PDB file of all heavy atoms in Angstrom:
ATOM      1  N   ALA A   1      33.929 -43.398 120.814  1.00  0.00           N
ATOM      2  CA  ALA A   1      34.868 -43.077 119.722  1.00  0.00           C
ATOM      3  C   ALA A   1      34.184 -41.698 119.120  1.00  0.00           C
ATOM      4  O   ALA A   1      32.998 -41.458 119.063  1.00  0.00           O
ATOM      5  CB  ALA A   1      35.047 -43.983 118.541  1.00  0.00           C
ATOM      6  N   ARG A   2      35.151 -40.771 118.867  1.00  0.00           N
ATOM      7  CA  ARG A   2      34.738 -39.400 118.401  1.00  0.00           C
ATOM      8  C   ARG A   2      34.804 -39.502 116.885  1.00  0.00           C
ATOM      9  O   ARG A   2      35.718 -40.039 116.305  1.00  0.00           O
ATOM     10  CB  ARG A   2      35.687 -38.426 118.923  1.00  0.00           C
ATOM     11  CG  ARG A   2      34.924 -37.173 119.316  1.00  0.00           C
ATOM     12  CD  ARG A   2      35.983 -36.166 119.995  1.00  0.00           C
ATOM     13  NE  ARG A   2      36.227 -35.179 118.832  1.00  0.00           N
ATOM     14  CZ  ARG A   2      37.062 -34.265 118.945  1.00  0.00           C
ATOM     15  NH1 ARG A   2      37.938 -34.344 119.815  1.00  0.00           N
ATOM     16  NH2 ARG A   2      37.296 -33.420 117.980  1.00  0.00           N
ATOM     17  N   LYS A   3      33.862 -38.751 116.267  1.00  0.00           N
ATOM     18  CA  LYS A   3      34.025 -38.702 114.783  1.00  0.00           C
ATOM     19  C   LYS A   3      35.107 -37.794 114.456  1.00  0.00           C
ATOM     20  O   LYS A   3      35.363 -36.801 115.053  1.00  0.00           O
ATOM     21  CB  LYS A   3      32.534 -38.232 114.165  1.00  0.00           C
ATOM     22  CG  LYS A   3      31.563 -39.236 114.029  1.00  0.00           C
ATOM     23  CD  LYS A   3      30.412 -38.582 113.091  1.00  0.00           C
ATOM     24  CE  LYS A   3      29.401 -39.598 112.724  1.00  0.00           C
ATOM     25  NZ  LYS A   3      28.358 -39.137 111.850  1.00  0.00           N
ATOM     26  N   SER A   4      35.661 -38.177 113.339  1.00  0.00           N
ATOM     27  CA  SER A   4      36.805 -37.281 112.885  1.00  0.00           C
ATOM     28  C   SER A   4      36.136 -35.890 112.311  1.00  0.00           C
ATOM     29  O   SER A   4      35.169 -35.822 111.742  1.00  0.00           O
ATOM     30  CB  SER A   4      37.624 -37.946 111.652  1.00  0.00           C
ATOM     31  OG  SER A   4      36.794 -38.074 110.556  1.00  0.00           O
ATOM     32  N   SER A   5      36.950 -34.857 112.620  1.00  0.00           N
ATOM     33  CA  SER A   5      36.480 -33.429 112.311  1.00  0.00           C
ATOM     34  C   SER A   5      36.879 -33.262 110.851  1.00  0.00           C
ATOM     35  O   SER A   5      37.981 -33.474 110.414  1.00  0.00           O
ATOM     36  CB  SER A   5      37.023 -32.617 113.312  1.00  0.00           C
ATOM     37  OG  SER A   5      36.743 -31.181 112.777  1.00  0.00           O
ATOM     38  N   ASN A   6      36.080 -32.602 110.181  1.00  0.00           N
ATOM     39  CA  ASN A   6      36.377 -32.167 108.770  1.00  0.00           C
ATOM     40  C   ASN A   6      36.697 -30.669 108.698  1.00  0.00           C
ATOM     41  O   ASN A   6      36.720 -30.206 107.640  1.00  0.00           O
ATOM     42  CB  ASN A   6      35.247 -32.602 107.849  1.00  0.00           C
ATOM     43  CG  ASN A   6      35.328 -34.004 107.478  1.00  0.00           C
ATOM     44  OD1 ASN A   6      36.327 -34.798 107.450  1.00  0.00           O
ATOM     45  ND2 ASN A   6      34.166 -34.672 107.202  1.00  0.00           N
ATOM     46  N   SER A   7      36.841 -29.986 109.871  1.00  0.00           N
ATOM     47  CA  SER A   7      37.171 -28.585 109.915  1.00  0.00           C
ATOM     48  C   SER A   7      38.558 -28.421 109.222  1.00  0.00           C
ATOM     49  O   SER A   7      39.443 -29.304 109.376  1.00  0.00           O
ATOM     50  CB  SER A   7      37.044 -28.077 111.209  1.00  0.00           C
ATOM     51  OG  SER A   7      38.085 -28.433 112.016  1.00  0.00           O
ATOM     52  N   LYS A   8      38.886 -27.328 108.767  1.00  0.00           N
ATOM     53  CA  LYS A   8      40.058 -27.054 108.120  1.00  0.00           C
ATOM     54  C   LYS A   8      41.159 -27.014 109.189  1.00  0.00           C
ATOM     55  O   LYS A   8      42.298 -27.521 108.991  1.00  0.00           O
ATOM     56  CB  LYS A   8      40.091 -25.792 107.319  1.00  0.00           C
ATOM     57  CG  LYS A   8      41.314 -25.559 106.440  1.00  0.00           C
ATOM     58  CD  LYS A   8      41.080 -24.354 105.529  1.00  0.00           C
ATOM     59  CE  LYS A   8      42.134 -24.417 104.456  1.00  0.00           C
ATOM     60  NZ  LYS A   8      41.917 -23.312 103.510  1.00  0.00           N
ATOM     61  N   VAL A   9      40.813 -26.570 110.357  1.00  0.00           N
ATOM     62  CA  VAL A   9      41.839 -26.508 111.556  1.00  0.00           C
ATOM     63  C   VAL A   9      42.132 -27.810 111.920  1.00  0.00           C
ATOM     64  O   VAL A   9      43.282 -28.292 112.147  1.00  0.00           O
ATOM     65  CB  VAL A   9      41.359 -25.587 112.593  1.00  0.00           C
ATOM     66  CG1 VAL A   9      42.182 -25.750 113.835  1.00  0.00           C
ATOM     67  CG2 VAL A   9      41.209 -24.203 112.220  1.00  0.00           C
ATOM     68  N   GLY A  10      41.107 -28.738 112.126  1.00  0.00           N
ATOM     69  CA  GLY A  10      41.323 -30.071 112.612  1.00  0.00           C
ATOM     70  C   GLY A  10      42.184 -30.821 111.566  1.00  0.00           C
ATOM     71  O   GLY A  10      43.016 -31.731 111.882  1.00  0.00           O
ATOM     72  N   LEU A  11      41.899 -30.643 110.193  1.00  0.00           N
ATOM     73  CA  LEU A  11      42.657 -31.287 109.308  1.00  0.00           C
ATOM     74  C   LEU A  11      44.104 -30.813 109.236  1.00  0.00           C
ATOM     75  O   LEU A  11      45.062 -31.696 109.088  1.00  0.00           O
ATOM     76  CB  LEU A  11      42.074 -31.161 107.843  1.00  0.00           C
ATOM     77  CG  LEU A  11      40.742 -31.905 107.693  1.00  0.00           C
ATOM     78  CD1 LEU A  11      40.081 -31.444 106.390  1.00  0.00           C
ATOM     79  CD2 LEU A  11      40.889 -33.274 107.697  1.00  0.00           C
ATOM     80  N   LEU A  12      44.388 -29.537 109.465  1.00  0.00           N
ATOM     81  CA  LEU A  12      45.741 -29.103 109.501  1.00  0.00           C
ATOM     82  C   LEU A  12      46.505 -29.562 110.741  1.00  0.00           C
ATOM     83  O   LEU A  12      47.646 -29.850 110.591  1.00  0.00           O
ATOM     84  CB  LEU A  12      45.758 -27.523 109.554  1.00  0.00           C
ATOM     85  CG  LEU A  12      45.398 -26.929 108.230  1.00  0.00           C
ATOM     86  CD1 LEU A  12      45.302 -25.416 108.386  1.00  0.00           C
ATOM     87  CD2 LEU A  12      46.427 -27.176 107.079  1.00  0.00           C
ATOM     88  N   LEU A  13      45.881 -29.700 111.833  1.00  0.00           N
ATOM     89  CA  LEU A  13      46.400 -30.231 113.009  1.00  0.00           C
ATOM     90  C   LEU A  13      46.713 -31.791 112.733  1.00  0.00           C
ATOM     91  O   LEU A  13      47.880 -32.197 113.172  1.00  0.00           O
ATOM     92  CB  LEU A  13      45.514 -30.222 114.195  1.00  0.00           C
ATOM     93  CG  LEU A  13      45.480 -28.802 114.865  1.00  0.00           C
ATOM     94  CD1 LEU A  13      44.331 -28.745 115.965  1.00  0.00           C
ATOM     95  CD2 LEU A  13      46.734 -28.453 115.526  1.00  0.00           C
ATOM     96  N   SER A  14      45.913 -32.470 112.246  1.00  0.00           N
ATOM     97  CA  SER A  14      46.325 -33.956 111.790  1.00  0.00           C
ATOM     98  C   SER A  14      47.303 -34.041 110.948  1.00  0.00           C
ATOM     99  O   SER A  14      48.169 -34.873 111.006  1.00  0.00           O
ATOM    100  CB  SER A  14      44.971 -34.468 111.173  1.00  0.00           C
ATOM    101  OG  SER A  14      45.223 -35.931 110.816  1.00  0.00           O
ATOM    102  N   LEU A  15      47.488 -33.110 109.860  1.00  0.00           N
ATOM    103  CA  LEU A  15      48.551 -33.118 109.050  1.00  0.00           C
ATOM    104  C   LEU A  15      49.854 -32.858 109.713  1.00  0.00           C
ATOM    105  O   LEU A  15      50.914 -33.458 109.420  1.00  0.00           O
ATOM    106  CB  LEU A  15      48.288 -32.173 107.839  1.00  0.00           C
ATOM    107  CG  LEU A  15      49.372 -32.063 106.796  1.00  0.00           C
ATOM    108  CD1 LEU A  15      49.397 -33.423 106.090  1.00  0.00           C
ATOM    109  CD2 LEU A  15      49.049 -31.068 105.712  1.00  0.00           C
ATOM    110  N   GLY A  16      49.818 -31.858 110.541  1.00  0.00           N
ATOM    111  CA  GLY A  16      50.970 -31.518 111.379  1.00  0.00           C
ATOM    112  C   GLY A  16      51.517 -32.703 112.208  1.00  0.00           C
ATOM    113  O   GLY A  16      52.589 -32.884 112.322  1.00  0.00           O
ATOM    114  N   SER A  17      50.596 -33.411 112.972  1.00  0.00           N
ATOM    115  CA  SER A  17      50.965 -34.520 113.861  1.00  0.00           C
ATOM    116  C   SER A  17      51.542 -35.589 112.974  1.00  0.00           C
ATOM    117  O   SER A  17      52.389 -36.338 113.218  1.00  0.00           O
ATOM    118  CB  SER A  17      49.840 -34.879 114.655  1.00  0.00           C
ATOM    119  OG  SER A  17      48.830 -35.423 113.846  1.00  0.00           O
ATOM    120  N   SER A  18      50.864 -35.930 111.687  1.00  0.00           N
ATOM    121  CA  SER A  18      51.502 -36.839 110.837  1.00  0.00           C
ATOM    122  C   SER A  18      52.874 -36.574 110.363  1.00  0.00           C
ATOM    123  O   SER A  18      53.668 -37.452 110.262  1.00  0.00           O
ATOM    124  CB  SER A  18      50.474 -36.962 109.624  1.00  0.00           C
ATOM    125  OG  SER A  18      49.262 -37.602 110.030  1.00  0.00           O
ATOM    126  N   THR A  19      53.035 -35.394 110.116  1.00  0.00           N
ATOM    127  CA  THR A  19      54.348 -34.907 109.543  1.00  0.00           C
ATOM    128  C   THR A  19      55.438 -35.099 110.649  1.00  0.00           C
ATOM    129  O   THR A  19      56.413 -35.660 110.346  1.00  0.00           O
ATOM    130  CB  THR A  19      54.336 -33.394 109.077  1.00  0.00           C
ATOM    131  OG1 THR A  19      53.246 -33.167 108.050  1.00  0.00           O
ATOM    132  CG2 THR A  19      55.704 -32.969 108.646  1.00  0.00           C
ATOM    133  N   ILE A  20      55.093 -34.729 111.841  1.00  0.00           N
ATOM    134  CA  ILE A  20      56.140 -35.008 112.923  1.00  0.00           C
ATOM    135  C   ILE A  20      56.333 -36.488 113.133  1.00  0.00           C
ATOM    136  O   ILE A  20      57.460 -36.887 113.278  1.00  0.00           O
ATOM    137  CB  ILE A  20      55.513 -34.267 114.243  1.00  0.00           C
ATOM    138  CG1 ILE A  20      55.585 -32.855 114.148  1.00  0.00           C
ATOM    139  CG2 ILE A  20      56.278 -34.773 115.422  1.00  0.00           C
ATOM    140  CD1 ILE A  20      54.835 -32.008 115.234  1.00  0.00           C
ATOM    141  N   ALA A  21      55.255 -37.351 113.010  1.00  0.00           N
ATOM    142  CA  ALA A  21      55.456 -38.729 113.157  1.00  0.00           C
ATOM    143  C   ALA A  21      56.323 -39.289 112.063  1.00  0.00           C
ATOM    144  O   ALA A  21      57.264 -40.224 112.283  1.00  0.00           O
ATOM    145  CB  ALA A  21      54.117 -39.442 113.235  1.00  0.00           C
ATOM    146  N   VAL A  22      56.158 -38.847 110.881  1.00  0.00           N
ATOM    147  CA  VAL A  22      57.015 -39.212 109.665  1.00  0.00           C
ATOM    148  C   VAL A  22      58.446 -38.882 109.981  1.00  0.00           C
ATOM    149  O   VAL A  22      59.408 -39.650 109.682  1.00  0.00           O
ATOM    150  CB  VAL A  22      56.479 -38.710 108.391  1.00  0.00           C
ATOM    151  CG1 VAL A  22      57.480 -38.854 107.233  1.00  0.00           C
ATOM    152  CG2 VAL A  22      55.160 -39.360 108.046  1.00  0.00           C
ATOM    153  N   ILE A  23      58.625 -37.670 110.356  1.00  0.00           N
ATOM    154  CA  ILE A  23      60.115 -37.177 110.677  1.00  0.00           C
ATOM    155  C   ILE A  23      60.735 -38.115 111.670  1.00  0.00           C
ATOM    156  O   ILE A  23      61.888 -38.558 111.541  1.00  0.00           O
ATOM    157  CB  ILE A  23      60.049 -35.764 111.124  1.00  0.00           C
ATOM    158  CG1 ILE A  23      59.668 -34.779 109.813  1.00  0.00           C
ATOM    159  CG2 ILE A  23      61.452 -35.322 111.621  1.00  0.00           C
ATOM    160  CD1 ILE A  23      59.452 -33.415 110.262  1.00  0.00           C
ATOM    161  N   ARG A  24      59.977 -38.418 112.826  1.00  0.00           N
ATOM    162  CA  ARG A  24      60.541 -39.314 113.825  1.00  0.00           C
ATOM    163  C   ARG A  24      60.828 -40.624 113.290  1.00  0.00           C
ATOM    164  O   ARG A  24      61.839 -41.251 113.686  1.00  0.00           O
ATOM    165  CB  ARG A  24      59.616 -39.287 115.003  1.00  0.00           C
ATOM    166  CG  ARG A  24      59.465 -37.987 115.806  1.00  0.00           C
ATOM    167  CD  ARG A  24      58.493 -38.071 116.933  1.00  0.00           C
ATOM    168  NE  ARG A  24      59.067 -38.882 117.971  1.00  0.00           N
ATOM    169  CZ  ARG A  24      58.472 -39.512 118.943  1.00  0.00           C
ATOM    170  NH1 ARG A  24      57.238 -39.296 119.124  1.00  0.00           N
ATOM    171  NH2 ARG A  24      59.085 -40.242 119.776  1.00  0.00           N
ATOM    172  N   SER A  25      59.930 -41.114 112.427  1.00  0.00           N
ATOM    173  CA  SER A  25      60.216 -42.545 111.848  1.00  0.00           C
ATOM    174  C   SER A  25      61.446 -42.606 110.967  1.00  0.00           C
ATOM    175  O   SER A  25      62.114 -43.373 110.882  1.00  0.00           O
ATOM    176  CB  SER A  25      58.935 -43.036 111.056  1.00  0.00           C
ATOM    177  OG  SER A  25      57.958 -43.240 111.981  1.00  0.00           O
ATOM    178  N   VAL A  26      61.511 -41.513 110.085  1.00  0.00           N
ATOM    179  CA  VAL A  26      62.693 -41.317 109.260  1.00  0.00           C
ATOM    180  C   VAL A  26      63.965 -41.355 110.077  1.00  0.00           C
ATOM    181  O   VAL A  26      65.013 -41.927 109.717  1.00  0.00           O
ATOM    182  CB  VAL A  26      62.630 -40.205 108.272  1.00  0.00           C
ATOM    183  CG1 VAL A  26      63.837 -39.887 107.642  1.00  0.00           C
ATOM    184  CG2 VAL A  26      61.473 -40.382 107.334  1.00  0.00           C
ATOM    185  N   ASN A  27      64.038 -40.563 111.261  1.00  0.00           N
ATOM    186  CA  ASN A  27      65.218 -40.542 112.016  1.00  0.00           C
ATOM    187  C   ASN A  27      65.451 -41.887 112.672  1.00  0.00           C
ATOM    188  O   ASN A  27      66.607 -42.341 112.806  1.00  0.00           O
ATOM    189  CB  ASN A  27      64.871 -39.375 113.163  1.00  0.00           C
ATOM    190  CG  ASN A  27      65.010 -38.126 112.682  1.00  0.00           C
ATOM    191  OD1 ASN A  27      65.614 -37.801 111.664  1.00  0.00           O
ATOM    192  ND2 ASN A  27      64.452 -37.178 113.446  1.00  0.00           N
ATOM    193  N   ARG A  28      64.411 -42.605 112.995  1.00  0.00           N
ATOM    194  CA  ARG A  28      64.515 -43.953 113.528  1.00  0.00           C
ATOM    195  C   ARG A  28      65.194 -44.886 112.484  1.00  0.00           C
ATOM    196  O   ARG A  28      66.042 -45.762 112.706  1.00  0.00           O
ATOM    197  CB  ARG A  28      63.320 -44.496 114.019  1.00  0.00           C
ATOM    198  CG  ARG A  28      63.456 -45.890 114.851  1.00  0.00           C
ATOM    199  CD  ARG A  28      62.185 -46.253 115.503  1.00  0.00           C
ATOM    200  NE  ARG A  28      61.467 -47.142 114.725  1.00  0.00           N
ATOM    201  CZ  ARG A  28      60.305 -47.507 114.653  1.00  0.00           C
ATOM    202  NH1 ARG A  28      59.545 -46.834 115.568  1.00  0.00           N
ATOM    203  NH2 ARG A  28      59.757 -48.344 113.859  1.00  0.00           N
ATOM    204  N   MET A  29      64.789 -44.749 111.236  1.00  0.00           N
ATOM    205  CA  MET A  29      65.273 -45.508 110.197  1.00  0.00           C
ATOM    206  C   MET A  29      66.763 -45.163 109.955  1.00  0.00           C
ATOM    207  O   MET A  29      67.563 -46.181 109.672  1.00  0.00           O
ATOM    208  CB  MET A  29      64.609 -45.253 108.840  1.00  0.00           C
ATOM    209  CG  MET A  29      63.197 -45.929 108.655  1.00  0.00           C
ATOM    210  SD  MET A  29      62.303 -45.491 107.253  1.00  0.00           S
ATOM    211  CE  MET A  29      63.480 -46.009 106.009  1.00  0.00           C
ATOM    212  N   ARG A  30      67.179 -44.102 110.053  1.00  0.00           N
ATOM    213  CA  ARG A  30      68.606 -43.648 109.843  1.00  0.00           C
ATOM    214  C   ARG A  30      69.422 -44.218 110.922  1.00  0.00           C
ATOM    215  O   ARG A  30      70.466 -44.765 110.744  1.00  0.00           O
ATOM    216  CB  ARG A  30      68.620 -42.143 109.888  1.00  0.00           C
ATOM    217  CG  ARG A  30      68.179 -41.483 108.636  1.00  0.00           C
ATOM    218  CD  ARG A  30      68.488 -39.962 108.771  1.00  0.00           C
ATOM    219  NE  ARG A  30      67.927 -39.373 107.432  1.00  0.00           N
ATOM    220  CZ  ARG A  30      67.658 -38.010 107.369  1.00  0.00           C
ATOM    221  NH1 ARG A  30      67.752 -37.211 108.248  1.00  0.00           N
ATOM    222  NH2 ARG A  30      67.167 -37.596 106.154  1.00  0.00           N
ATOM    223  N   LYS A  31      68.924 -44.181 112.213  1.00  0.00           N
ATOM    224  CA  LYS A  31      69.623 -44.812 113.287  1.00  0.00           C
ATOM    225  C   LYS A  31      69.815 -46.264 113.185  1.00  0.00           C
ATOM    226  O   LYS A  31      70.869 -46.837 113.238  1.00  0.00           O
ATOM    227  CB  LYS A  31      68.745 -44.392 114.671  1.00  0.00           C
ATOM    228  CG  LYS A  31      69.413 -45.086 115.842  1.00  0.00           C
ATOM    229  CD  LYS A  31      68.656 -44.771 117.069  1.00  0.00           C
ATOM    230  CE  LYS A  31      69.105 -45.711 118.182  1.00  0.00           C
ATOM    231  NZ  LYS A  31      68.311 -45.665 119.187  1.00  0.00           N
ATOM    232  N   THR A  32      68.681 -47.014 112.699  1.00  0.00           N
ATOM    233  CA  THR A  32      68.802 -48.490 112.612  1.00  0.00           C
ATOM    234  C   THR A  32      69.702 -48.784 111.405  1.00  0.00           C
ATOM    235  O   THR A  32      70.396 -49.785 111.441  1.00  0.00           O
ATOM    236  CB  THR A  32      67.374 -49.088 112.421  1.00  0.00           C
ATOM    237  OG1 THR A  32      66.686 -48.528 111.277  1.00  0.00           O
ATOM    238  CG2 THR A  32      66.533 -48.861 113.588  1.00  0.00           C
ATOM    239  N   ARG A  33      69.763 -48.006 110.332  1.00  0.00           N
ATOM    240  CA  ARG A  33      70.547 -48.256 109.198  1.00  0.00           C
ATOM    241  C   ARG A  33      72.016 -48.226 109.716  1.00  0.00           C
ATOM    242  O   ARG A  33      72.883 -48.881 109.227  1.00  0.00           O
ATOM    243  CB  ARG A  33      70.263 -47.225 108.074  1.00  0.00           C
ATOM    244  CG  ARG A  33      71.069 -47.563 106.783  1.00  0.00           C
ATOM    245  CD  ARG A  33      70.672 -46.725 105.726  1.00  0.00           C
ATOM    246  NE  ARG A  33      70.751 -45.228 106.035  1.00  0.00           N
ATOM    247  CZ  ARG A  33      70.392 -44.246 105.442  1.00  0.00           C
ATOM    248  NH1 ARG A  33      69.933 -44.426 104.137  1.00  0.00           N
ATOM    249  NH2 ARG A  33      70.409 -42.975 105.797  1.00  0.00           N
ATOM    250  N   GLY A  34      72.279 -47.209 110.460  1.00  0.00           N
ATOM    251  CA  GLY A  34      73.730 -47.120 111.017  1.00  0.00           C
ATOM    252  C   GLY A  34      74.090 -48.308 111.959  1.00  0.00           C
ATOM    253  O   GLY A  34      75.250 -48.738 111.897  1.00  0.00           O
ATOM    254  N   GLU A  35      73.120 -48.917 112.610  1.00  0.00           N
ATOM    255  CA  GLU A  35      73.485 -49.998 113.417  1.00  0.00           C
ATOM    256  C   GLU A  35      73.387 -51.332 112.504  1.00  0.00           C
ATOM    257  O   GLU A  35      73.733 -52.462 113.088  1.00  0.00           O
ATOM    258  CB  GLU A  35      72.415 -50.148 114.560  1.00  0.00           C
ATOM    259  CG  GLU A  35      72.491 -48.938 115.523  1.00  0.00           C
ATOM    260  CD  GLU A  35      71.270 -48.996 116.568  1.00  0.00           C
ATOM    261  OE1 GLU A  35      70.446 -49.765 116.517  1.00  0.00           O
ATOM    262  OE2 GLU A  35      71.428 -48.163 117.372  1.00  0.00           O
ATOM    263  N   GLN A  36      72.789 -51.237 111.371  1.00  0.00           N
ATOM    264  CA  GLN A  36      72.597 -52.340 110.464  1.00  0.00           C
ATOM    265  C   GLN A  36      71.869 -53.468 111.069  1.00  0.00           C
ATOM    266  O   GLN A  36      72.170 -54.601 110.934  1.00  0.00           O
ATOM    267  CB  GLN A  36      74.051 -52.887 109.916  1.00  0.00           C
ATOM    268  CG  GLN A  36      74.768 -51.837 109.118  1.00  0.00           C
ATOM    269  CD  GLN A  36      75.973 -52.433 108.424  1.00  0.00           C
ATOM    270  OE1 GLN A  36      76.323 -53.481 108.489  1.00  0.00           O
ATOM    271  NE2 GLN A  36      76.718 -51.462 107.771  1.00  0.00           N
ATOM    272  N   ASP A  37      70.728 -53.128 111.707  1.00  0.00           N
ATOM    273  CA  ASP A  37      69.761 -54.169 112.260  1.00  0.00           C
ATOM    274  C   ASP A  37      68.637 -54.190 111.333  1.00  0.00           C
ATOM    275  O   ASP A  37      67.701 -53.251 111.328  1.00  0.00           O
ATOM    276  CB  ASP A  37      69.382 -53.559 113.673  1.00  0.00           C
ATOM    277  CG  ASP A  37      68.473 -54.550 114.310  1.00  0.00           C
ATOM    278  OD1 ASP A  37      68.058 -55.656 113.830  1.00  0.00           O
ATOM    279  OD2 ASP A  37      68.164 -54.225 115.583  1.00  0.00           O
ATOM    280  N   ASN A  38      68.525 -55.278 110.494  1.00  0.00           N
ATOM    281  CA  ASN A  38      67.622 -55.428 109.514  1.00  0.00           C
ATOM    282  C   ASN A  38      66.174 -55.576 110.025  1.00  0.00           C
ATOM    283  O   ASN A  38      65.180 -55.071 109.391  1.00  0.00           O
ATOM    284  CB  ASN A  38      67.823 -56.608 108.662  1.00  0.00           C
ATOM    285  CG  ASN A  38      69.107 -56.443 107.805  1.00  0.00           C
ATOM    286  OD1 ASN A  38      69.431 -55.308 107.497  1.00  0.00           O
ATOM    287  ND2 ASN A  38      69.712 -57.525 107.371  1.00  0.00           N
ATOM    288  N   LEU A  39      66.000 -56.235 111.194  1.00  0.00           N
ATOM    289  CA  LEU A  39      64.592 -56.381 111.713  1.00  0.00           C
ATOM    290  C   LEU A  39      64.100 -55.040 112.180  1.00  0.00           C
ATOM    291  O   LEU A  39      62.881 -54.683 112.019  1.00  0.00           O
ATOM    292  CB  LEU A  39      64.618 -57.375 112.939  1.00  0.00           C
ATOM    293  CG  LEU A  39      63.380 -57.725 113.594  1.00  0.00           C
ATOM    294  CD1 LEU A  39      62.429 -58.260 112.455  1.00  0.00           C
ATOM    295  CD2 LEU A  39      63.576 -58.611 114.794  1.00  0.00           C
ATOM    296  N   GLU A  40      64.917 -54.151 112.920  1.00  0.00           N
ATOM    297  CA  GLU A  40      64.476 -52.769 113.273  1.00  0.00           C
ATOM    298  C   GLU A  40      64.098 -52.004 112.046  1.00  0.00           C
ATOM    299  O   GLU A  40      63.198 -51.149 112.083  1.00  0.00           O
ATOM    300  CB  GLU A  40      65.577 -52.132 114.174  1.00  0.00           C
ATOM    301  CG  GLU A  40      65.625 -52.612 115.584  1.00  0.00           C
ATOM    302  CD  GLU A  40      64.252 -52.204 116.274  1.00  0.00           C
ATOM    303  OE1 GLU A  40      63.758 -51.045 116.097  1.00  0.00           O
ATOM    304  OE2 GLU A  40      63.935 -52.980 117.157  1.00  0.00           O
ATOM    305  N   MET A  41      64.947 -52.134 110.946  1.00  0.00           N
ATOM    306  CA  MET A  41      64.784 -51.448 109.769  1.00  0.00           C
ATOM    307  C   MET A  41      63.389 -51.717 109.096  1.00  0.00           C
ATOM    308  O   MET A  41      62.540 -50.856 108.808  1.00  0.00           O
ATOM    309  CB  MET A  41      65.855 -51.663 108.692  1.00  0.00           C
ATOM    310  CG  MET A  41      65.676 -50.893 107.454  1.00  0.00           C
ATOM    311  SD  MET A  41      65.522 -49.154 107.529  1.00  0.00           S
ATOM    312  CE  MET A  41      67.313 -48.714 107.489  1.00  0.00           C
ATOM    313  N   ALA A  42      63.138 -53.080 109.075  1.00  0.00           N
ATOM    314  CA  ALA A  42      61.878 -53.504 108.618  1.00  0.00           C
ATOM    315  C   ALA A  42      60.673 -52.945 109.505  1.00  0.00           C
ATOM    316  O   ALA A  42      59.597 -52.576 109.024  1.00  0.00           O
ATOM    317  CB  ALA A  42      61.690 -55.107 108.469  1.00  0.00           C
ATOM    318  N   ASN A  43      60.837 -52.965 110.845  1.00  0.00           N
ATOM    319  CA  ASN A  43      59.783 -52.344 111.678  1.00  0.00           C
ATOM    320  C   ASN A  43      59.651 -50.869 111.412  1.00  0.00           C
ATOM    321  O   ASN A  43      58.638 -50.469 111.478  1.00  0.00           O
ATOM    322  CB  ASN A  43      60.344 -52.652 113.143  1.00  0.00           C
ATOM    323  CG  ASN A  43      59.234 -52.250 114.116  1.00  0.00           C
ATOM    324  OD1 ASN A  43      57.978 -52.389 113.834  1.00  0.00           O
ATOM    325  ND2 ASN A  43      59.689 -51.937 115.401  1.00  0.00           N
TER     326      ASN A  43
END
């Protein structure tokens, strides 16, 4: 395992990847809400 980098560039890259993942998850939530699948929404 690699230690997490505390450099500003590394932190910004981490923030960017987290932001993209949040956007994808929100899109998935919208899709499951349209399908009215409660288990997928909880997931």
